[in-house]
C-alpha atoms as a PDB file:
ATOM      1  CA  UNK A   1       0.276  -0.071  -0.120  1.00  0.00           C
ATOM      2  CA  UNK A   2       1.217   3.789  -1.313  1.00  0.00           C
ATOM      3  CA  UNK A   3       2.426   5.133   1.988  1.00  0.00           C
ATOM      4  CA  UNK A   4      -0.093   8.251   1.270  1.00  0.00           C
ATOM      5  CA  UNK A   5      -2.667   5.946   1.323  1.00  0.00           C
ATOM      6  CA  UNK A   6      -1.891   4.679   4.417  1.00  0.00           C
ATOM      7  CA  UNK A   7      -1.719   7.852   6.234  1.00  0.00           C
ATOM      8  CA  UNK A   8      -5.213   8.642   5.100  1.00  0.00           C
ATOM      9  CA  UNK A   9      -6.505   5.274   6.585  1.00  0.00           C
ATOM     10  CA  UNK A  10      -4.844   6.245  10.187  1.00  0.00           C
ATOM     11  CA  UNK A  11      -6.127   9.465   9.953  1.00  0.00           C
ATOM     12  CA  UNK A  12      -9.709   8.127   9.416  1.00  0.00           C
ATOM     13  CA  UNK A  13      -9.887   5.668  12.061  1.00  0.00           C
ATOM     14  CA  UNK A  14      -8.474   8.387  14.283  1.00  0.00           C
ATOM     15  CA  UNK A  15     -10.953  10.882  13.476  1.00  0.00           C
ATOM     16  CA  UNK A  16     -13.338   8.178  13.933  1.00  0.00           C
ATOM     17  CA  UNK A  17     -12.151   7.379  17.347  1.00  0.00           C
ATOM     18  CA  UNK A  18     -12.025  10.600  18.331  1.00  0.00           C
ATOM     19  CA  UNK A  19     -15.512  11.400  17.231  1.00  0.00           C
ATOM     20  CA  UNK A  20     -16.957   8.442  19.042  1.00  0.00           C
ATOM     21  CA  UNK A  21     -14.865   9.401  22.498  1.00  0.00           C
ATOM     22  CA  UNK A  22     -16.027  12.869  22.386  1.00  0.00           C
ATOM     23  CA  UNK A  23     -20.249  11.912  21.959  1.00  0.00           C
ATOM     24  CA  UNK A  24     -22.155  11.874  24.973  1.00  0.00           C
ATOM     25  CA  UNK A  25     -23.130   8.129  26.565  1.00  0.00           C
ATOM     26  CA  UNK A  26     -26.343   7.768  24.892  1.00  0.00           C
ATOM     27  CA  UNK A  27     -25.102   8.913  20.965  1.00  0.00           C
ATOM     28  CA  UNK A  28     -22.179   6.111  21.155  1.00  0.00           C
ATOM     29  CA  UNK A  29     -22.551   3.170  19.150  1.00  0.00           C
ATOM     30  CA  UNK A  30     -22.734   0.002  21.128  1.00  0.00           C
ATOM     31  CA  UNK A  31     -19.987  -2.310  21.669  1.00  0.00           C
ATOM     32  CA  UNK A  32     -20.239  -5.259  20.214  1.00  0.00           C
ATOM     33  CA  UNK A  33     -19.259  -9.131  22.171  1.00  0.00           C
ATOM     34  CA  UNK A  34     -15.950  -8.779  20.547  1.00  0.00           C
ATOM     35  CA  UNK A  35     -15.032  -5.813  21.312  1.00  0.00           C
ATOM     36  CA  UNK A  36     -13.506  -5.849  25.335  1.00  0.00           C
ATOM     37  CA  UNK A  37     -14.520  -3.453  27.710  1.00  0.00           C
ATOM     38  CA  UNK A  38     -12.814  -1.648  30.803  1.00  0.00           C
ATOM     39  CA  UNK A  39     -13.731  -2.155  34.257  1.00  0.00           C
ATOM     40  CA  UNK A  40     -15.302   1.385  33.946  1.00  0.00           C
ATOM     41  CA  UNK A  41     -17.486   0.475  31.357  1.00  0.00           C
ATOM     42  CA  UNK A  42     -19.378  -2.260  33.648  1.00  0.00           C
ATOM     43  CA  UNK A  43     -19.549  -0.059  36.231  1.00  0.00           C
ATOM     44  CA  UNK A  44     -22.841   0.776  37.674  1.00  0.00           C
ATOM     45  CA  UNK A  45     -24.629   4.330  36.297  1.00  0.00           C
ATOM     46  CA  UNK A  46     -23.690   6.879  39.407  1.00  0.00           C
ATOM     47  CA  UNK A  47     -27.000   8.907  38.609  1.00  0.00           C
ATOM     48  CA  UNK A  48     -28.499   5.476  38.980  1.00  0.00           C
ATOM     49  CA  UNK A  49     -27.028   4.736  42.176  1.00  0.00           C
ATOM     50  CA  UNK A  50     -27.688   7.778  44.110  1.00  0.00           C
ATOM     51  CA  UNK A  51     -31.313   7.610  42.644  1.00  0.00           C
ATOM     52  CA  UNK A  52     -31.484   3.902  44.369  1.00  0.00           C
ATOM     53  CA  UNK A  53     -30.026   5.334  48.135  1.00  0.00           C
ATOM     54  CA  UNK A  54     -31.693   8.381  47.821  1.00  0.00           C
ATOM     55  CA  UNK A  55     -35.622   6.095  48.035  1.00  0.00           C
ATOM     56  CA  UNK A  56     -33.845   3.877  51.059  1.00  0.00           C
ATOM     57  CA  UNK A  57     -32.838   7.206  52.935  1.00  0.00           C
ATOM     58  CA  UNK A  58     -36.207   9.200  52.282  1.00  0.00           C
ATOM     59  CA  UNK A  59     -38.662   6.297  52.740  1.00  0.00           C
ATOM     60  CA  UNK A  60     -39.319   5.743  56.761  1.00  0.00           C
ATOM     61  CA  UNK A  61     -40.498   2.526  58.007  1.00  0.00           C
ATOM     62  CA  UNK A  62     -42.728   2.274  61.082  1.00  0.00           C
ATOM     63  CA  UNK A  63     -43.629  -0.981  63.109  1.00  0.00           C
ATOM     64  CA  UNK A  64     -47.121  -0.485  64.842  1.00  0.00           C
ATOM     65  CA  UNK A  65     -48.190  -2.475  67.278  1.00  0.00           C
ATOM     66  CA  UNK A  66     -51.862  -2.583  67.672  1.00  0.00           C
ATOM     67  CA  UNK A  67     -53.606  -4.058  70.913  1.00  0.00           C
ATOM     68  CA  UNK A  68     -57.023  -4.480  72.056  1.00  0.00           C
ATOM     69  CA  UNK A  69     -58.627  -3.742  75.263  1.00  0.00           C
ATOM     70  CA  UNK A  70     -57.379  -7.314  76.529  1.00  0.00           C
ATOM     71  CA  UNK A  71     -54.144  -6.752  75.388  1.00  0.00           C
ATOM     72  CA  UNK A  72     -54.265  -8.843  72.639  1.00  0.00           C
ATOM     73  CA  UNK A  73     -53.100  -8.236  69.267  1.00  0.00           C
ATOM     74  CA  UNK A  74     -55.731  -6.484  66.776  1.00  0.00           C
ATOM     75  CA  UNK A  75     -54.963  -7.822  63.035  1.00  0.00           C
ATOM     76  CA  UNK A  76     -56.691  -7.293  60.132  1.00  0.00           C
ATOM     77  CA  UNK A  77     -56.683  -3.265  60.271  1.00  0.00           C
ATOM     78  CA  UNK A  78     -57.414  -1.787  56.680  1.00  0.00           C
ATOM     79  CA  UNK A  79     -54.454   1.035  55.820  1.00  0.00           C
ATOM     80  CA  UNK A  80     -57.766   3.779  55.972  1.00  0.00           C
ATOM     81  CA  UNK A  81     -57.591   2.568  59.813  1.00  0.00           C
ATOM     82  CA  UNK A  82     -54.405   4.820  60.720  1.00  0.00           C
ATOM     83  CA  UNK A  83     -53.233   8.298  60.284  1.00  0.00           C
ATOM     84  CA  UNK A  84     -49.357   9.174  60.703  1.00  0.00           C
ATOM     85  CA  UNK A  85     -48.046  11.707  61.570  1.00  0.00           C
ATOM     86  CA  UNK A  86     -44.876  13.349  61.135  1.00  0.00           C
ATOM     87  CA  UNK A  87     -43.703  16.561  63.365  1.00  0.00           C
ATOM     88  CA  UNK A  88     -47.479  17.212  63.511  1.00  0.00           C
ATOM     89  CA  UNK A  89     -47.856  17.102  59.406  1.00  0.00           C
ATOM     90  CA  UNK A  90     -50.273  14.482  57.707  1.00  0.00           C
ATOM     91  CA  UNK A  91     -48.256  11.696  55.865  1.00  0.00           C
ATOM     92  CA  UNK A  92     -49.398   9.640  52.748  1.00  0.00           C
ATOM     93  CA  UNK A  93     -48.957   5.581  54.000  1.00  0.00           C
ATOM     94  CA  UNK A  94     -46.857   4.184  50.290  1.00  0.00           C
ATOM     95  CA  UNK A  95     -46.083   1.226  51.743  1.00  0.00           C
ATOM     96  CA  UNK A  96     -48.839  -0.841  54.379  1.00  0.00           C
ATOM     97  CA  UNK A  97     -48.225  -4.777  55.658  1.00  0.00           C
ATOM     98  CA  UNK A  98     -50.904  -6.137  57.534  1.00  0.00           C
ATOM     99  CA  UNK A  99     -48.717  -8.485  58.944  1.00  0.00           C
ATOM    100  CA  UNK A 100     -45.069  -7.611  58.158  1.00  0.00           C
ATOM    101  CA  UNK A 101     -42.705 -10.189  56.551  1.00  0.00           C
ATOM    102  CA  UNK A 102     -39.672  -8.446  57.365  1.00  0.00           C
ATOM    103  CA  UNK A 103     -36.458 -11.054  58.572  1.00  0.00           C
ATOM    104  CA  UNK A 104     -36.307 -10.286  62.780  1.00  0.00           C
ATOM    105  CA  UNK A 105     -32.605  -9.417  64.015  1.00  0.00           C
ATOM    106  CA  UNK A 106     -32.793  -9.976  67.589  1.00  0.00           C
ATOM    107  CA  UNK A 107     -31.019  -9.480  70.275  1.00  0.00           C
ATOM    108  CA  UNK A 108     -31.841 -11.774  73.872  1.00  0.00           C
ATOM    109  CA  UNK A 109     -29.396  -9.935  76.466  1.00  0.00           C
ATOM    110  CA  UNK A 110     -29.332 -11.309  80.542  1.00  0.00           C
ATOM    111  CA  UNK A 111     -28.923  -9.567  83.241  1.00  0.00           C
ATOM    112  CA  UNK A 112     -25.804 -11.761  84.844  1.00  0.00           C
ATOM    113  CA  UNK A 113     -25.444  -9.471  88.162  1.00  0.00           C
ATOM    114  CA  UNK A 114     -25.121 -11.267  91.854  1.00  0.00           C
ATOM    115  CA  UNK A 115     -28.450  -9.772  92.590  1.00  0.00           C
ATOM    116  CA  UNK A 116     -30.689 -11.554  89.169  1.00  0.00           C
ATOM    117  CA  UNK A 117     -28.911 -15.353  90.183  1.00  0.00           C
ATOM    118  CA  UNK A 118     -31.671 -16.502  91.986  1.00  0.00           C
ATOM    119  CA  UNK A 119     -34.068 -15.695  88.635  1.00  0.00           C
ATOM    120  CA  UNK A 120     -31.686 -17.476  86.515  1.00  0.00           C
ATOM    121  CA  UNK A 121     -32.826 -20.766  86.086  1.00  0.00           C
ATOM    122  CA  UNK A 122     -36.659 -19.879  85.600  1.00  0.00           C
ATOM    123  CA  UNK A 123     -35.380 -16.939  83.356  1.00  0.00           C
ATOM    124  CA  UNK A 124     -32.969 -19.138  80.658  1.00  0.00           C
ATOM    125  CA  UNK A 125     -35.952 -22.430  81.157  1.00  0.00           C
ATOM    126  CA  UNK A 126     -38.378 -19.236  79.678  1.00  0.00           C
ATOM    127  CA  UNK A 127     -35.618 -17.694  77.003  1.00  0.00           C
ATOM    128  CA  UNK A 128     -34.673 -21.143  75.525  1.00  0.00           C
ATOM    129  CA  UNK A 129     -38.554 -21.900  75.103  1.00  0.00           C
ATOM    130  CA  UNK A 130     -38.497 -18.327  73.465  1.00  0.00           C
ATOM    131  CA  UNK A 131     -36.382 -19.378  70.660  1.00  0.00           C
ATOM    132  CA  UNK A 132     -37.438 -22.254  69.541  1.00  0.00           C
ATOM    133  CA  UNK A 133     -40.691 -20.633  68.992  1.00  0.00           C
ATOM    134  CA  UNK A 134     -39.753 -16.937  67.945  1.00  0.00           C
ATOM    135  CA  UNK A 135     -37.126 -17.953  64.825  1.00  0.00           C
ATOM    136  CA  UNK A 136     -38.501 -18.511  61.669  1.00  0.00           C
ATOM    137  CA  UNK A 137     -36.649 -18.883  58.230  1.00  0.00           C
ATOM    138  CA  UNK A 138     -34.666 -15.766  57.532  1.00  0.00           C
ATOM    139  CA  UNK A 139     -34.252 -14.719  61.505  1.00  0.00           C
ATOM    140  CA  UNK A 140     -31.515 -14.555  63.261  1.00  0.00           C
ATOM    141  CA  UNK A 141     -30.698 -14.229  66.675  1.00  0.00           C
ATOM    142  CA  UNK A 142     -27.831 -13.408  68.909  1.00  0.00           C
ATOM    143  CA  UNK A 143     -27.083 -13.796  72.512  1.00  0.00           C
ATOM    144  CA  UNK A 144     -25.629 -11.387  74.927  1.00  0.00           C
ATOM    145  CA  UNK A 145     -24.874 -11.532  78.718  1.00  0.00           C
ATOM    146  CA  UNK A 146     -24.729  -8.383  80.728  1.00  0.00           C
ATOM    147  CA  UNK A 147     -23.144  -7.746  84.671  1.00  0.00           C
ATOM    148  CA  UNK A 148     -20.434  -4.992  84.470  1.00  0.00           C
ATOM    149  CA  UNK A 149     -19.177  -5.721  80.814  1.00  0.00           C
ATOM    150  CA  UNK A 150     -21.484  -6.545  77.925  1.00  0.00           C
ATOM    151  CA  UNK A 151     -20.428  -9.989  76.128  1.00  0.00           C
ATOM    152  CA  UNK A 152     -21.712 -11.793  73.150  1.00  0.00           C
ATOM    153  CA  UNK A 153     -21.812 -15.494  74.202  1.00  0.00           C
ATOM    154  CA  UNK A 154     -23.640 -16.386  70.818  1.00  0.00           C
ATOM    155  CA  UNK A 155     -23.221 -14.566  67.474  1.00  0.00           C
ATOM    156  CA  UNK A 156     -26.380 -13.885  65.081  1.00  0.00           C
ATOM    157  CA  UNK A 157     -27.488 -17.270  64.107  1.00  0.00           C
ATOM    158  CA  UNK A 158     -30.575 -19.520  63.331  1.00  0.00           C
ATOM    159  CA  UNK A 159     -28.931 -22.588  65.133  1.00  0.00           C
ATOM    160  CA  UNK A 160     -31.614 -23.480  67.907  1.00  0.00           C
ATOM    161  CA  UNK A 161     -29.591 -25.532  69.819  1.00  0.00           C
ATOM    162  CA  UNK A 162     -26.679 -23.563  69.192  1.00  0.00           C
ATOM    163  CA  UNK A 163     -28.096 -20.253  70.728  1.00  0.00           C
ATOM    164  CA  UNK A 164     -29.516 -22.568  74.097  1.00  0.00           C
ATOM    165  CA  UNK A 165     -27.006 -23.870  74.548  1.00  0.00           C
ATOM    166  CA  UNK A 166     -25.570 -20.284  74.761  1.00  0.00           C
ATOM    167  CA  UNK A 167     -27.977 -19.405  77.072  1.00  0.00           C
ATOM    168  CA  UNK A 168     -26.835 -22.221  79.532  1.00  0.00           C
ATOM    169  CA  UNK A 169     -23.206 -20.829  79.359  1.00  0.00           C
ATOM    170  CA  UNK A 170     -24.489 -17.711  80.823  1.00  0.00           C
ATOM    171  CA  UNK A 171     -21.651 -16.675  83.690  1.00  0.00           C
ATOM    172  CA  UNK A 172     -22.519 -14.952  86.675  1.00  0.00           C
ATOM    173  CA  UNK A 173     -20.868 -11.302  87.050  1.00  0.00           C
ATOM    174  CA  UNK A 174     -21.181  -8.589  89.694  1.00  0.00           C
ATOM    175  CA  UNK A 175     -22.371  -5.166  87.838  1.00  0.00           C
ATOM    176  CA  UNK A 176     -25.097  -4.081  85.699  1.00  0.00           C
ATOM    177  CA  UNK A 177     -24.555  -1.912  82.519  1.00  0.00           C
ATOM    178  CA  UNK A 178     -28.190  -1.106  81.165  1.00  0.00           C
ATOM    179  CA  UNK A 179     -26.945   1.752  79.078  1.00  0.00           C
ATOM    180  CA  UNK A 180     -24.627  -0.229  77.397  1.00  0.00           C
ATOM    181  CA  UNK A 181     -26.970  -2.936  76.650  1.00  0.00           C
ATOM    182  CA  UNK A 182     -28.766  -1.008  74.410  1.00  0.00           C
ATOM    183  CA  UNK A 183     -26.181   0.578  72.916  1.00  0.00           C
ATOM    184  CA  UNK A 184     -23.993  -1.720  72.256  1.00  0.00           C
ATOM    185  CA  UNK A 185     -27.132  -4.094  70.962  1.00  0.00           C
ATOM    186  CA  UNK A 186     -28.134  -1.312  69.079  1.00  0.00           C
ATOM    187  CA  UNK A 187     -24.912  -0.897  67.666  1.00  0.00           C
ATOM    188  CA  UNK A 188     -24.142  -4.846  66.664  1.00  0.00           C
ATOM    189  CA  UNK A 189     -27.938  -4.667  65.235  1.00  0.00           C
ATOM    190  CA  UNK A 190     -27.350  -1.528  63.035  1.00  0.00           C
ATOM    191  CA  UNK A 191     -24.481  -4.196  61.180  1.00  0.00           C
ATOM    192  CA  UNK A 192     -26.915  -6.436  59.942  1.00  0.00           C
ATOM    193  CA  UNK A 193     -28.541  -5.295  57.242  1.00  0.00           C
ATOM    194  CA  UNK A 194     -31.195  -2.881  55.860  1.00  0.00           C
ATOM    195  CA  UNK A 195     -35.148  -4.182  55.361  1.00  0.00           C
ATOM    196  CA  UNK A 196     -34.969  -6.236  58.439  1.00  0.00           C
ATOM    197  CA  UNK A 197     -36.578  -5.436  61.989  1.00  0.00           C
ATOM    198  CA  UNK A 198     -34.269  -5.003  64.986  1.00  0.00           C
ATOM    199  CA  UNK A 199     -34.910  -5.956  68.404  1.00  0.00           C
ATOM    200  CA  UNK A 200     -33.252  -6.137  71.619  1.00  0.00           C
ATOM    201  CA  UNK A 201     -35.267  -7.665  74.784  1.00  0.00           C
ATOM    202  CA  UNK A 202     -33.344  -7.214  78.162  1.00  0.00           C
ATOM    203  CA  UNK A 203     -34.004  -8.977  81.289  1.00  0.00           C
ATOM    204  CA  UNK A 204     -32.737  -7.359  83.967  1.00  0.00           C
ATOM    205  CA  UNK A 205     -33.880  -6.213  87.648  1.00  0.00           C
ATOM    206  CA  UNK A 206     -33.797  -2.779  86.646  1.00  0.00           C
ATOM    207  CA  UNK A 207     -30.286  -1.588  88.442  1.00  0.00           C
ATOM    208  CA  UNK A 208     -28.170   0.442  86.820  1.00  0.00           C
ATOM    209  CA  UNK A 209     -24.418   0.645  87.834  1.00  0.00           C
ATOM    210  CA  UNK A 210     -21.247   0.173  85.798  1.00  0.00           C
ATOM    211  CA  UNK A 211     -22.183   1.519  82.388  1.00  0.00           C
ATOM    212  CA  UNK A 212     -19.852   3.898  80.729  1.00  0.00           C
ATOM    213  CA  UNK A 213     -22.493   4.977  78.416  1.00  0.00           C
ATOM    214  CA  UNK A 214     -25.376   7.509  79.611  1.00  0.00           C
ATOM    215  CA  UNK A 215     -28.918   7.379  79.052  1.00  0.00           C
ATOM    216  CA  UNK A 216     -29.164   9.887  76.271  1.00  0.00           C
ATOM    217  CA  UNK A 217     -26.223   8.354  74.196  1.00  0.00           C
ATOM    218  CA  UNK A 218     -27.951   5.078  74.529  1.00  0.00           C
ATOM    219  CA  UNK A 219     -31.601   6.311  73.854  1.00  0.00           C
ATOM    220  CA  UNK A 220     -30.067   8.099  70.864  1.00  0.00           C
ATOM    221  CA  UNK A 221     -27.819   5.142  69.342  1.00  0.00           C
ATOM    222  CA  UNK A 222     -31.573   2.869  69.325  1.00  0.00           C
ATOM    223  CA  UNK A 223     -33.057   5.879  67.735  1.00  0.00           C
ATOM    224  CA  UNK A 224     -31.004   6.435  65.308  1.00  0.00           C
ATOM    225  CA  UNK A 225     -31.200   2.633  64.162  1.00  0.00           C
ATOM    226  CA  UNK A 226     -34.484   1.633  64.734  1.00  0.00           C
ATOM    227  CA  UNK A 227     -34.018  -0.410  67.277  1.00  0.00           C
ATOM    228  CA  UNK A 228     -37.039  -2.032  68.949  1.00  0.00           C
ATOM    229  CA  UNK A 229     -36.933  -2.591  73.182  1.00  0.00           C
ATOM    230  CA  UNK A 230     -38.681  -4.747  74.791  1.00  0.00           C
ATOM    231  CA  UNK A 231     -37.586  -4.550  78.567  1.00  0.00           C
ATOM    232  CA  UNK A 232     -38.869  -7.911  81.257  1.00  0.00           C
ATOM    233  CA  UNK A 233     -37.959  -6.148  84.950  1.00  0.00           C
ATOM    234  CA  UNK A 234     -37.679  -9.331  87.257  1.00  0.00           C
ATOM    235  CA  UNK A 235     -37.526  -7.257  90.688  1.00  0.00           C
ATOM    236  CA  UNK A 236     -35.706  -8.936  93.764  1.00  0.00           C
ATOM    237  CA  UNK A 237     -37.575  -6.328  95.692  1.00  0.00           C
ATOM    238  CA  UNK A 238     -41.127  -5.743  95.529  1.00  0.00           C
ATOM    239  CA  UNK A 239     -41.155  -2.637  97.733  1.00  0.00           C
ATOM    240  CA  UNK A 240     -39.451   0.483  96.551  1.00  0.00           C
ATOM    241  CA  UNK A 241     -37.081   0.521  99.467  1.00  0.00           C
ATOM    242  CA  UNK A 242     -33.559  -0.485  98.280  1.00  0.00           C
ATOM    243  CA  UNK A 243     -34.572  -1.062  95.035  1.00  0.00           C
ATOM    244  CA  UNK A 244     -33.075   0.964  92.038  1.00  0.00           C
ATOM    245  CA  UNK A 245     -36.074   3.015  90.497  1.00  0.00           C
ATOM    246  CA  UNK A 246     -34.462   5.247  88.666  1.00  0.00           C
ATOM    247  CA  UNK A 247     -33.311   2.346  86.195  1.00  0.00           C
ATOM    248  CA  UNK A 248     -36.399   1.201  85.819  1.00  0.00           C
ATOM    249  CA  UNK A 249     -37.964   4.240  84.708  1.00  0.00           C
ATOM    250  CA  UNK A 250     -35.470   4.988  82.586  1.00  0.00           C
ATOM    251  CA  UNK A 251     -35.508   1.621  80.726  1.00  0.00           C
ATOM    252  CA  UNK A 252     -39.519   3.001  80.844  1.00  0.00           C
ATOM    253  CA  UNK A 253     -38.742   5.461  78.850  1.00  0.00           C
ATOM    254  CA  UNK A 254     -36.197   4.356  76.620  1.00  0.00           C
ATOM    255  CA  UNK A 255     -38.560   1.393  75.679  1.00  0.00           C
ATOM    256  CA  UNK A 256     -41.415   3.463  74.957  1.00  0.00           C
ATOM    257  CA  UNK A 257     -39.403   5.696  73.117  1.00  0.00           C
ATOM    258  CA  UNK A 258     -38.496   3.136  70.690  1.00  0.00           C
ATOM    259  CA  UNK A 259     -42.272   1.589  70.463  1.00  0.00           C
ATOM    260  CA  UNK A 260     -41.887  -1.794  72.382  1.00  0.00           C
ATOM    261  CA  UNK A 261     -43.099  -2.523  75.798  1.00  0.00           C
ATOM    262  CA  UNK A 262     -41.733  -3.334  79.478  1.00  0.00           C
ATOM    263  CA  UNK A 263     -43.200  -6.336  81.842  1.00  0.00           C
ATOM    264  CA  UNK A 264     -42.887  -6.483  85.326  1.00  0.00           C
ATOM    265  CA  UNK A 265     -43.915 -10.008  86.287  1.00  0.00           C
ATOM    266  CA  UNK A 266     -45.163 -10.945  89.579  1.00  0.00           C
ATOM    267  CA  UNK A 267     -43.359 -14.188  89.986  1.00  0.00           C
ATOM    268  CA  UNK A 268     -40.913 -16.042  87.622  1.00  0.00           C
ATOM    269  CA  UNK A 269     -43.494 -18.240  86.362  1.00  0.00           C
ATOM    270  CA  UNK A 270     -44.848 -15.504  84.452  1.00  0.00           C
ATOM    271  CA  UNK A 271     -41.825 -15.504  82.606  1.00  0.00           C
ATOM    272  CA  UNK A 272     -42.924 -17.703  79.456  1.00  0.00           C
ATOM    273  CA  UNK A 273     -46.357 -15.565  79.186  1.00  0.00           C
ATOM    274  CA  UNK A 274     -44.696 -12.932  79.224  1.00  0.00           C
ATOM    275  CA  UNK A 275     -42.149 -14.061  76.184  1.00  0.00           C
ATOM    276  CA  UNK A 276     -45.478 -15.770  74.087  1.00  0.00           C
ATOM    277  CA  UNK A 277     -46.951 -12.116  74.219  1.00  0.00           C
ATOM    278  CA  UNK A 278     -43.612 -10.574  72.583  1.00  0.00           C
ATOM    279  CA  UNK A 279     -43.573 -13.535  69.583  1.00  0.00           C
ATOM    280  CA  UNK A 280     -47.539 -12.953  69.210  1.00  0.00           C
ATOM    281  CA  UNK A 281     -46.842  -9.209  69.229  1.00  0.00           C
ATOM    282  CA  UNK A 282     -43.814  -9.702  66.550  1.00  0.00           C
ATOM    283  CA  UNK A 283     -45.631 -11.594  64.360  1.00  0.00           C
ATOM    284  CA  UNK A 284     -48.743  -9.443  64.031  1.00  0.00           C
ATOM    285  CA  UNK A 285     -47.090  -5.701  63.453  1.00  0.00           C
ATOM    286  CA  UNK A 286     -48.443  -3.350  61.213  1.00  0.00           C
ATOM    287  CA  UNK A 287     -45.346  -1.865  58.927  1.00  0.00           C
ATOM    288  CA  UNK A 288     -45.838   1.519  57.379  1.00  0.00           C
ATOM    289  CA  UNK A 289     -43.979   3.174  55.167  1.00  0.00           C
ATOM    290  CA  UNK A 290     -43.822   6.750  53.983  1.00  0.00           C
ATOM    291  CA  UNK A 291     -41.997   9.772  52.381  1.00  0.00           C
ATOM    292  CA  UNK A 292     -41.966  12.884  55.096  1.00  0.00           C
ATOM    293  CA  UNK A 293     -43.282  15.964  53.594  1.00  0.00           C
ATOM    294  CA  UNK A 294     -42.103  18.337  54.119  1.00  0.00           C
ATOM    295  CA  UNK A 295     -38.578  16.486  54.220  1.00  0.00           C
ATOM    296  CA  UNK A 296     -36.608  17.581  57.494  1.00  0.00           C
ATOM    297  CA  UNK A 297     -33.278  18.809  57.745  1.00  0.00           C
ATOM    298  CA  UNK A 298     -30.031  16.305  57.527  1.00  0.00           C
ATOM    299  CA  UNK A 299     -28.996  14.796  60.838  1.00  0.00           C
ATOM    300  CA  UNK A 300     -31.850  15.757  62.783  1.00  0.00           C
ATOM    301  CA  UNK A 301     -34.881  13.723  64.750  1.00  0.00           C
ATOM    302  CA  UNK A 302     -37.784  13.531  63.915  1.00  0.00           C
ATOM    303  CA  UNK A 303     -41.281  12.902  65.933  1.00  0.00           C
ATOM    304  CA  UNK A 304     -43.807  10.170  64.927  1.00  0.00           C
ATOM    305  CA  UNK A 305     -47.311   9.937  65.490  1.00  0.00           C
ATOM    306  CA  UNK A 306     -49.251   7.005  64.187  1.00  0.00           C
ATOM    307  CA  UNK A 307     -53.478   7.271  65.566  1.00  0.00           C
ATOM    308  CA  UNK A 308     -56.137   4.260  64.818  1.00  0.00           C
ATOM    309  CA  UNK A 309     -59.380   5.165  63.757  1.00  0.00           C
ATOM    310  CA  UNK A 310     -62.769   3.836  63.252  1.00  0.00           C
ATOM    311  CA  UNK A 311     -64.777   4.220  59.984  1.00  0.00           C
ATOM    312  CA  UNK A 312     -68.284   5.461  60.397  1.00  0.00           C
ATOM    313  CA  UNK A 313     -71.179   3.006  60.049  1.00  0.00           C
ATOM    314  CA  UNK A 314     -73.216   2.315  56.742  1.00  0.00           C
ATOM    315  CA  UNK A 315     -75.623   2.762  58.449  1.00  0.00           C
ATOM    316  CA  UNK A 316     -74.891   6.211  60.721  1.00  0.00           C
ATOM    317  CA  UNK A 317     -77.312   8.579  59.660  1.00  0.00           C
ATOM    318  CA  UNK A 318     -76.680  11.316  57.486  1.00  0.00           C
ATOM    319  CA  UNK A 319     -76.229  13.969  59.813  1.00  0.00           C
ATOM    320  CA  UNK A 320     -73.268  12.106  62.089  1.00  0.00           C
ATOM    321  CA  UNK A 321     -70.161  13.049  60.714  1.00  0.00           C
ATOM    322  CA  UNK A 322     -68.103  11.675  58.175  1.00  0.00           C
ATOM    323  CA  UNK A 323     -64.993  11.986  59.863  1.00  0.00           C
ATOM    324  CA  UNK A 324     -63.465   9.002  61.438  1.00  0.00           C
ATOM    325  CA  UNK A 325     -63.104   8.889  65.031  1.00  0.00           C
ATOM    326  CA  UNK A 326     -60.673   7.789  67.224  1.00  0.00           C
ATOM    327  CA  UNK A 327     -60.882   3.956  68.263  1.00  0.00           C
ATOM    328  CA  UNK A 328     -60.725   4.269  71.980  1.00  0.00           C
ATOM    329  CA  UNK A 329     -60.815  -0.274  72.434  1.00  0.00           C
ATOM    330  CA  UNK A 330     -57.026   0.252  71.168  1.00  0.00           C
ATOM    331  CA  UNK A 331     -53.774   1.045  72.506  1.00  0.00           C
ATOM    332  CA  UNK A 332     -50.972   1.562  69.587  1.00  0.00           C
ATOM    333  CA  UNK A 333     -47.529   1.772  70.362  1.00  0.00           C
ATOM    334  CA  UNK A 334     -44.553   3.127  67.786  1.00  0.00           C
ATOM    335  CA  UNK A 335     -40.815   4.473  67.949  1.00  0.00           C
ATOM    336  CA  UNK A 336     -41.782   8.026  68.791  1.00  0.00           C
ATOM    337  CA  UNK A 337     -38.752   9.123  66.429  1.00  0.00           C
ATOM    338  CA  UNK A 338     -36.400   8.462  63.489  1.00  0.00           C
ATOM    339  CA  UNK A 339     -33.048   9.667  63.032  1.00  0.00           C
ATOM    340  CA  UNK A 340     -32.612  11.553  59.317  1.00  0.00           C
ATOM    341  CA  UNK A 341     -29.374  10.513  58.824  1.00  0.00           C
ATOM    342  CA  UNK A 342     -26.411  12.802  57.373  1.00  0.00           C
ATOM    343  CA  UNK A 343     -25.929  13.978  53.574  1.00  0.00           C
END
């Protein structure tokens, strides 16, 4: 080939490659199967990724427990029965599940301080039965002991026998670190992945003696990670004289903030019944999801309120109000706030 023709051919090829490279991605010709592609070409579209992340951040999930006047779960309520408010602003419910199918991540925490040792055999027996009942395919549970330290005895697993063996091996401790338990339990749950329910079940005598974290730090971590806290307070003393009532009140406040419940059994024989109730409640929770309007600023805590209403019966007179009325026989529990995250 003459040199002049070869130079012309190379010039055309360079111009074609330059033109293809200068085009925006949507204007370029698709590559053939024989054309090698770089790792950058196979990487996800960053705009698409940002959209996905935005959806995850904006959607706020609220787990709602609705109980009737006998403290039994109230299933089969329609979406229309719920009213949801974000900082007093009414919200549109975008996601509604009558019985949420989100899998569970549970942290089961035992107060192993000296003051709980008399009740420990009954606690172990009730907890081992609870584990066998509560775990379903996709669920995971971890076991922790709480004394002057918070120690993981069994990592997250669905192996029932391994978890039950761990409960048998909880050692005796000295102090009680309740705030550390809530803080570290919430931290552990936050590492288990999205689209799962995070639950801490704490069995304690209510005394707080050796925590490094304080009340506000523990509560803030639970709210930040959407932890649902259930507390079973096994009182060694029934009267308030000599009892750590300040610890009990702190637990009540933290538990209420997360949407959980506090139980005060009169005797250890009631522990099995309490675990049964927690199990039923976890299996009958409503899941409400919404996109906050207006959206709150980043790195803030926002207030949530959920109410249940009853529709006016069809046979009601025309003179009656068409607006739903509050169903007085239902009690509603849910987390009271959420964290907006950082930009």
